[in-house]
């Protein structure tokens, strides 16, 4: 008998899970209270990468390693998934990258920098839509503008996957499980600019910028940045010789932020038939995490790379 799954949340993580379950032969319905990709997915800087040799390891390292392999698989098998493999230039780090060659429009190239040539970036909304189309081609169904009652099983599903980001704790709380995930605001600032002004994913302690499309730049800004539009314009034009750059708009998203920084992926303790998938760096991890989740749910094969990331209830605060 095919596994019947309901996936709640049609951002990039939920769409990825729906696709991988449908691809593996499961019967899937993908449910969202709004339109696919209209939440925090649309507010993501969408830089995808992997840990470097020498990076400090933690419980998420096994999942993060090899994450780009699954992105390359998606490029091959999912029409509409495209990655800009332009690499990431990390300025100020101890390395020998030639920043002036990689970014010829810099006003003052850094003395030291590292170039991560395997890193890339995506349009997360376009990828979400492509994954949903691919899931539907395998028989998945999409149900939008639908509010889920967490106290009621979704139809006749064997498993309900909660992939609702910052909305996940509210869905799980009535079931008696407190998921330690809060929201962390971040700004995404969009600029019109000459095509090719920024050629890599350019990163300094004060600026993260990449070209989203010819003539359009995206800049990521911390949630506590005052007046992020003018401030990011100032930082951008300080770093680059950037005539004609103008602000197009600012979006503020609420990223899901687990209390310990680790993804929460797996069956919910004490709640039969409910699985949760909430993570920071959701765009980077979506492809690999979704494949492993589908292998667990459809194939019944426990993923060792997820072993240290199982859902953990919030620790009660001492009075």
Protein backbone atom coordinates (compact mmCIF):
# COMPACT_ATOMS: atom_id res chain seq x y z
CA UNK A 1 0.00 0.00 0.00
CA UNK A 2 1.33 3.47 -0.88
CA UNK A 3 2.13 5.82 1.99
CA UNK A 4 -0.41 8.64 2.14
CA UNK A 5 1.23 11.86 3.28
CA UNK A 6 0.02 15.39 3.92
CA UNK A 7 2.71 18.07 3.91
CA UNK A 8 1.76 21.29 5.69
CA UNK A 9 3.60 24.35 4.40
CA UNK A 10 4.31 25.05 0.73
CA UNK A 11 7.54 26.97 1.08
CA UNK A 12 10.67 25.54 -0.47
CA UNK A 13 11.10 22.91 2.28
CA UNK A 14 7.51 21.66 2.10
CA UNK A 15 7.52 21.68 -1.70
CA UNK A 16 10.78 19.72 -1.69
CA UNK A 17 9.37 17.11 0.69
CA UNK A 18 6.18 16.77 -1.35
CA UNK A 19 8.23 16.30 -4.51
CA UNK A 20 10.56 13.70 -3.02
CA UNK A 21 7.72 11.71 -1.42
CA UNK A 22 5.73 11.74 -4.68
CA UNK A 23 8.86 10.81 -6.64
CA UNK A 24 9.39 7.87 -4.28
CA UNK A 25 5.85 6.63 -4.94
CA UNK A 26 3.94 8.17 -2.05
CA UNK A 27 0.45 9.67 -2.31
CA UNK A 28 0.88 13.33 -1.34
CA UNK A 29 -1.24 16.38 -0.68
CA UNK A 30 0.60 19.68 -0.12
CA UNK A 31 -1.35 22.19 1.97
CA UNK A 32 -0.73 25.87 2.63
CA UNK A 33 -2.71 28.69 4.18
CA UNK A 34 -1.60 31.04 1.39
CA UNK A 35 0.18 30.74 -1.97
CA UNK A 36 3.26 28.53 -2.46
CA UNK A 37 6.53 30.28 -1.70
CA UNK A 38 4.80 33.43 -0.46
CA UNK A 39 6.20 33.30 3.10
CA UNK A 40 9.79 33.39 4.28
CA UNK A 41 10.89 31.52 1.14
CA UNK A 42 10.32 34.72 -0.83
CA UNK A 43 12.48 36.64 1.64
CA UNK A 44 15.52 34.38 1.47
CA UNK A 45 18.93 35.50 0.16
CA UNK A 46 19.11 31.89 -1.12
CA UNK A 47 22.87 31.33 -0.97
CA UNK A 48 23.55 27.59 -1.07
CA UNK A 49 26.78 25.98 0.09
CA UNK A 50 28.45 23.26 2.13
CA UNK A 51 30.79 23.15 5.15
CA UNK A 52 34.46 23.72 4.49
CA UNK A 53 37.33 21.55 5.66
CA UNK A 54 38.21 22.73 9.13
CA UNK A 55 34.78 24.18 9.95
CA UNK A 56 33.58 23.38 13.45
CA UNK A 57 31.37 20.30 13.37
CA UNK A 58 27.99 19.94 15.04
CA UNK A 59 24.95 17.68 14.83
CA UNK A 60 23.92 19.21 11.50
CA UNK A 61 27.27 18.66 9.76
CA UNK A 62 26.38 15.21 8.32
CA UNK A 63 23.27 16.72 6.73
CA UNK A 64 25.09 19.79 5.43
CA UNK A 65 27.86 17.76 3.82
CA UNK A 66 26.92 16.84 0.29
CA UNK A 67 23.93 19.20 0.23
CA UNK A 68 24.97 20.57 -3.15
CA UNK A 69 25.02 17.09 -4.72
CA UNK A 70 21.25 16.93 -4.36
CA UNK A 71 20.90 20.43 -5.78
CA UNK A 72 22.79 19.28 -8.87
CA UNK A 73 20.48 16.26 -9.07
CA UNK A 74 17.48 18.60 -9.00
CA UNK A 75 18.99 20.63 -11.84
CA UNK A 76 19.11 17.46 -13.91
CA UNK A 77 15.70 16.01 -13.07
CA UNK A 78 13.38 18.92 -12.20
CA UNK A 79 12.48 21.26 -15.08
CA UNK A 80 12.77 24.86 -13.97
CA UNK A 81 15.36 24.37 -11.22
CA UNK A 82 18.37 26.51 -12.06
CA UNK A 83 21.36 27.41 -9.91
CA UNK A 84 23.73 30.32 -10.44
CA UNK A 85 27.07 28.58 -9.77
CA UNK A 86 29.06 31.79 -9.37
CA UNK A 87 30.88 30.96 -6.16
CA UNK A 88 31.13 32.97 -2.94
CA UNK A 89 33.90 35.48 -2.28
CA UNK A 90 34.52 35.85 1.46
CA UNK A 91 36.49 39.03 2.05
CA UNK A 92 38.81 39.50 5.01
CA UNK A 93 39.38 35.77 5.54
CA UNK A 94 42.84 34.28 5.32
CA UNK A 95 43.11 33.11 1.71
CA UNK A 96 44.73 33.91 -1.61
CA UNK A 97 41.77 34.58 -3.88
CA UNK A 98 42.27 37.43 -6.34
CA UNK A 99 39.32 39.61 -5.39
CA UNK A 100 40.15 42.26 -8.00
CA UNK A 101 39.90 39.66 -10.77
CA UNK A 102 36.72 38.08 -9.39
CA UNK A 103 35.08 41.44 -8.67
CA UNK A 104 36.64 44.08 -10.95
CA UNK A 105 34.19 46.78 -9.86
CA UNK A 106 35.39 46.86 -6.25
CA UNK A 107 36.64 50.24 -5.10
CA UNK A 108 39.22 48.72 -2.73
CA UNK A 109 39.83 44.98 -3.15
CA UNK A 110 40.59 43.24 0.16
CA UNK A 111 44.14 42.10 0.85
CA UNK A 112 42.93 38.64 1.85
CA UNK A 113 39.90 36.69 0.70
CA UNK A 114 38.64 33.15 0.11
CA UNK A 115 36.72 32.03 -2.97
CA UNK A 116 34.32 29.10 -2.54
CA UNK A 117 33.85 28.17 -6.18
CA UNK A 118 31.30 25.39 -5.55
CA UNK A 119 28.76 27.69 -3.89
CA UNK A 120 25.75 29.07 -5.70
CA UNK A 121 22.41 30.84 -5.39
CA UNK A 122 18.86 30.29 -6.56
CA UNK A 123 15.54 32.01 -7.03
CA UNK A 124 13.75 30.23 -4.15
CA UNK A 125 10.22 31.05 -5.32
CA UNK A 126 10.91 29.79 -8.85
CA UNK A 127 12.43 26.61 -7.40
CA UNK A 128 9.41 26.11 -5.13
CA UNK A 129 7.05 26.43 -8.07
CA UNK A 130 9.16 24.04 -10.17
CA UNK A 131 9.15 21.45 -7.38
CA UNK A 132 5.38 21.66 -7.02
CA UNK A 133 4.91 21.18 -10.76
CA UNK A 134 7.25 18.18 -10.64
CA UNK A 135 5.42 16.75 -7.61
CA UNK A 136 2.11 17.14 -9.44
CA UNK A 137 3.54 15.28 -12.41
CA UNK A 138 4.04 12.36 -10.00
CA UNK A 139 0.43 12.62 -8.78
CA UNK A 140 0.76 15.05 -5.84
CA UNK A 141 -2.10 17.44 -5.12
CA UNK A 142 -1.85 21.08 -4.05
CA UNK A 143 -4.39 22.69 -1.73
CA UNK A 144 -3.87 26.40 -1.03
CA UNK A 145 -5.66 28.91 1.21
CA UNK A 146 -6.43 26.09 3.59
CA UNK A 147 -6.03 26.43 7.36
CA UNK A 148 -4.99 23.19 9.05
CA UNK A 149 -6.60 22.14 12.31
CA UNK A 150 -3.69 20.64 14.29
CA UNK A 151 -6.04 18.58 16.44
CA UNK A 152 -7.48 16.75 13.44
CA UNK A 153 -5.57 14.32 11.25
CA UNK A 154 -5.43 15.55 7.66
CA UNK A 155 -7.91 13.39 5.78
CA UNK A 156 -6.81 9.79 5.66
CA UNK A 157 -3.07 10.52 5.68
CA UNK A 158 -0.74 7.98 7.26
CA UNK A 159 1.68 10.76 8.16
CA UNK A 160 1.41 14.53 8.42
CA UNK A 161 4.65 16.43 7.80
CA UNK A 162 4.76 19.84 9.46
CA UNK A 163 7.05 22.02 7.33
CA UNK A 164 5.48 25.34 8.24
CA UNK A 165 8.58 27.20 9.46
CA UNK A 166 7.77 29.71 12.19
CA UNK A 167 4.18 28.44 12.15
CA UNK A 168 5.19 24.92 13.20
CA UNK A 169 5.18 25.48 17.00
CA UNK A 170 1.57 26.72 16.93
CA UNK A 171 0.52 23.62 14.97
CA UNK A 172 2.28 21.26 17.37
CA UNK A 173 1.39 22.92 20.68
CA UNK A 174 -2.24 21.67 20.75
CA UNK A 175 -0.84 18.18 20.23
CA UNK A 176 1.13 18.52 23.47
CA UNK A 177 4.55 19.13 21.93
CA UNK A 178 6.49 22.36 22.40
CA UNK A 179 8.89 22.87 19.49
CA UNK A 180 11.74 25.22 20.49
CA UNK A 181 11.63 27.38 17.36
CA UNK A 182 11.24 31.16 17.28
CA UNK A 183 11.25 33.73 14.50
CA UNK A 184 14.30 35.77 13.54
CA UNK A 185 13.66 38.81 11.34
CA UNK A 186 15.88 39.58 8.36
CA UNK A 187 15.65 42.09 5.52
CA UNK A 188 16.08 41.41 1.82
CA UNK A 189 16.88 44.61 -0.07
CA UNK A 190 16.55 44.76 -3.84
CA UNK A 191 18.39 47.23 -6.11
CA UNK A 192 18.45 48.05 -9.80
CA UNK A 193 22.06 48.07 -10.99
CA UNK A 194 24.18 47.75 -14.12
CA UNK A 195 24.35 44.10 -15.24
CA UNK A 196 27.52 42.39 -14.07
CA UNK A 197 28.28 44.92 -11.35
CA UNK A 198 28.56 42.06 -8.82
CA UNK A 199 29.79 38.75 -10.24
CA UNK A 200 30.01 36.46 -7.21
CA UNK A 201 28.16 36.06 -3.95
CA UNK A 202 30.14 38.86 -2.33
CA UNK A 203 30.47 38.70 1.45
CA UNK A 204 32.12 41.00 4.00
CA UNK A 205 31.30 41.50 7.69
CA UNK A 206 29.10 44.43 6.59
CA UNK A 207 27.66 43.33 3.25
CA UNK A 208 26.18 40.27 1.54
CA UNK A 209 25.20 40.95 -2.06
CA UNK A 210 24.62 38.94 -5.23
CA UNK A 211 23.11 39.48 -8.65
CA UNK A 212 19.66 37.93 -8.81
CA UNK A 213 19.18 38.68 -12.51
CA UNK A 214 20.73 40.98 -15.07
CA UNK A 215 20.33 44.46 -13.69
CA UNK A 216 19.07 43.45 -10.25
CA UNK A 217 20.96 42.95 -6.99
CA UNK A 218 19.89 41.36 -3.71
CA UNK A 219 21.40 42.43 -0.41
CA UNK A 220 20.83 40.59 2.86
CA UNK A 221 20.56 42.70 6.01
CA UNK A 222 20.21 41.76 9.65
CA UNK A 223 16.81 42.33 11.20
CA UNK A 224 18.14 45.05 13.52
CA UNK A 225 19.57 47.14 10.67
CA UNK A 226 18.06 50.62 10.94
CA UNK A 227 16.52 51.95 7.73
CA UNK A 228 17.88 49.00 5.72
CA UNK A 229 17.24 50.43 2.24
CA UNK A 230 19.39 53.57 2.48
CA UNK A 231 21.91 51.88 4.77
CA UNK A 232 22.50 48.95 2.40
CA UNK A 233 22.73 51.38 -0.53
CA UNK A 234 25.45 53.24 1.35
CA UNK A 235 27.40 50.03 2.04
CA UNK A 236 26.97 48.80 -1.52
CA UNK A 237 28.22 52.02 -3.12
CA UNK A 238 31.07 52.21 -0.61
CA UNK A 239 32.28 48.75 -1.66
CA UNK A 240 31.58 48.98 -5.41
CA UNK A 241 31.96 51.62 -8.08
CA UNK A 242 28.23 51.54 -8.68
CA UNK A 243 26.81 54.42 -10.72
CA UNK A 244 23.11 54.34 -11.31
CA UNK A 245 22.25 51.94 -8.49
CA UNK A 246 18.81 52.62 -7.04
CA UNK A 247 16.65 51.07 -4.37
CA UNK A 248 13.71 48.99 -5.59
CA UNK A 249 12.29 47.72 -2.31
CA UNK A 250 12.74 46.02 1.04
CA UNK A 251 11.09 42.83 2.28
CA UNK A 252 11.27 41.64 5.87
CA UNK A 253 10.95 37.94 6.54
CA UNK A 254 10.63 35.91 9.72
CA UNK A 255 13.11 33.03 9.50
CA UNK A 256 12.51 29.94 11.65
CA UNK A 257 15.30 29.83 14.20
CA UNK A 258 15.64 26.71 16.38
CA UNK A 259 16.78 27.59 19.89
CA UNK A 260 20.01 25.61 19.53
CA UNK A 261 20.50 26.47 15.87
CA UNK A 262 20.02 22.84 14.80
CA UNK A 263 17.35 21.62 12.37
CA UNK A 264 14.43 19.65 13.83
CA UNK A 265 13.69 16.73 11.48
CA UNK A 266 11.86 13.54 12.36
CA UNK A 267 8.81 11.98 14.03
CA UNK A 268 7.32 14.08 16.81
CA UNK A 269 7.81 12.31 20.16
CA UNK A 270 4.56 11.10 21.65
CA UNK A 271 2.44 12.15 18.66
CA UNK A 272 1.70 9.26 16.32
CA UNK A 273 1.73 9.94 12.61
CA UNK A 274 3.23 13.45 12.81
CA UNK A 275 6.67 14.32 11.41
CA UNK A 276 8.32 17.73 11.62
CA UNK A 277 10.85 19.39 9.29
CA UNK A 278 11.92 22.86 10.43
CA UNK A 279 15.40 24.19 9.80
CA UNK A 280 17.53 27.26 9.39
CA UNK A 281 19.38 27.38 6.09
CA UNK A 282 16.23 25.83 4.70
CA UNK A 283 17.09 26.70 1.09
CA UNK A 284 20.52 25.09 1.27
CA UNK A 285 19.27 21.98 3.06
CA UNK A 286 15.96 21.50 1.22
CA UNK A 287 17.18 19.12 -1.49
CA UNK A 288 19.14 16.69 0.67
CA UNK A 289 16.82 16.86 3.69
CA UNK A 290 13.75 16.21 1.55
CA UNK A 291 15.34 13.16 -0.08
CA UNK A 292 16.25 11.69 3.31
CA UNK A 293 12.80 12.46 4.72
CA UNK A 294 11.16 10.67 1.78
CA UNK A 295 13.44 7.68 2.31
CA UNK A 296 12.31 7.51 5.94
CA UNK A 297 8.61 8.04 5.32
CA UNK A 298 8.17 6.02 2.12
CA UNK A 299 11.06 3.59 2.32
CA UNK A 300 11.16 3.08 6.08
CA UNK A 301 14.94 3.57 6.03
CA UNK A 302 16.25 5.61 8.95
CA UNK A 303 18.65 8.29 7.75
CA UNK A 304 21.89 8.32 9.73
CA UNK A 305 22.60 11.90 8.59
CA UNK A 306 19.48 13.00 10.52
CA UNK A 307 20.30 11.06 13.69
CA UNK A 308 21.39 14.09 15.71
CA UNK A 309 18.53 16.31 14.55
CA UNK A 310 15.45 14.58 15.92
CA UNK A 311 12.75 16.82 17.42
CA UNK A 312 13.36 17.79 21.00
CA UNK A 313 10.78 19.41 23.22
CA UNK A 314 11.59 22.80 24.66
CA UNK A 315 13.13 22.68 28.12
CA UNK A 316 10.83 24.26 30.74
CA UNK A 317 12.21 27.47 32.18
CA UNK A 318 13.18 27.34 35.83
CA UNK A 319 11.18 29.64 38.02
